[in-house]
C-alpha cells in the first residue's frame, strides 16, 4: 500500500504495534520504552496515532 504518514517515536519502539477502532476511526498504538542493549533512547511511553479524518 501507499505510505500515508510517518513519524518518530520519543524512545525506541521494540514492541509490536496494535490497532483498534472507535466510532469508525482507526488508531495505531505502540509502546516506546527503548532498550539499553540496543542503544536506543530510553523512555516510558505509550503512543497512539490516528490519521486525519480527511484521509481515506
Protein backbone atom coordinates (compact mmCIF):
# COMPACT_ATOMS: atom_id res chain seq x y z
CA UNK A 1 0.00 0.00 0.00
CA UNK A 2 0.83 3.67 -0.16
CA UNK A 3 2.63 5.32 2.78
CA UNK A 4 0.19 7.86 4.23
CA UNK A 5 2.27 9.19 7.11
CA UNK A 6 5.44 8.63 9.11
CA UNK A 7 6.75 9.99 12.37
CA UNK A 8 9.34 9.44 15.08
CA UNK A 9 8.77 7.81 18.45
CA UNK A 10 10.03 9.59 21.59
CA UNK A 11 12.02 6.45 22.54
CA UNK A 12 12.94 3.16 20.91
CA UNK A 13 9.94 1.05 19.91
CA UNK A 14 10.84 -2.62 20.28
CA UNK A 15 7.20 -3.64 20.78
CA UNK A 16 4.62 -4.96 18.34
CA UNK A 17 2.15 -2.22 17.34
CA UNK A 18 -1.56 -2.80 17.80
CA UNK A 19 -4.59 -1.23 16.11
CA UNK A 20 -8.10 -0.60 17.36
CA UNK A 21 -11.17 1.25 16.14
CA UNK A 22 -13.51 3.61 17.99
CA UNK A 23 -16.57 5.14 16.32
CA UNK A 24 -15.23 4.28 12.86
CA UNK A 25 -11.78 5.83 13.43
CA UNK A 26 -8.73 3.54 13.44
CA UNK A 27 -5.82 4.07 15.83
CA UNK A 28 -2.33 2.55 15.98
CA UNK A 29 -0.70 2.21 19.40
CA UNK A 30 2.88 1.26 20.27
CA UNK A 31 4.85 1.07 23.49
CA UNK A 32 8.09 3.05 23.21
CA UNK A 33 10.39 2.24 26.09
CA UNK A 34 13.77 1.88 24.46
CA UNK A 35 16.25 -0.89 25.13
CA UNK A 36 19.68 -0.46 26.72
CA UNK A 37 21.21 -3.42 24.88
CA UNK A 38 20.16 -1.98 21.50
CA UNK A 39 21.41 1.50 22.34
CA UNK A 40 18.05 3.18 21.67
CA UNK A 41 16.81 6.16 23.67
CA UNK A 42 15.09 5.05 26.88
CA UNK A 43 11.63 6.22 27.89
CA UNK A 44 8.26 5.20 29.29
CA UNK A 45 5.68 5.98 26.60
CA UNK A 46 2.54 4.52 25.09
CA UNK A 47 1.90 6.41 21.87
CA UNK A 48 -1.36 6.42 19.87
CA UNK A 49 -1.64 7.73 16.32
CA UNK A 50 -4.65 8.30 14.08
CA UNK A 51 -4.87 9.67 10.56
CA UNK A 52 -6.78 12.91 10.00
CA UNK A 53 -10.46 12.45 9.18
CA UNK A 54 -9.97 13.61 5.58
CA UNK A 55 -7.51 10.76 4.75
CA UNK A 56 -9.22 7.75 3.24
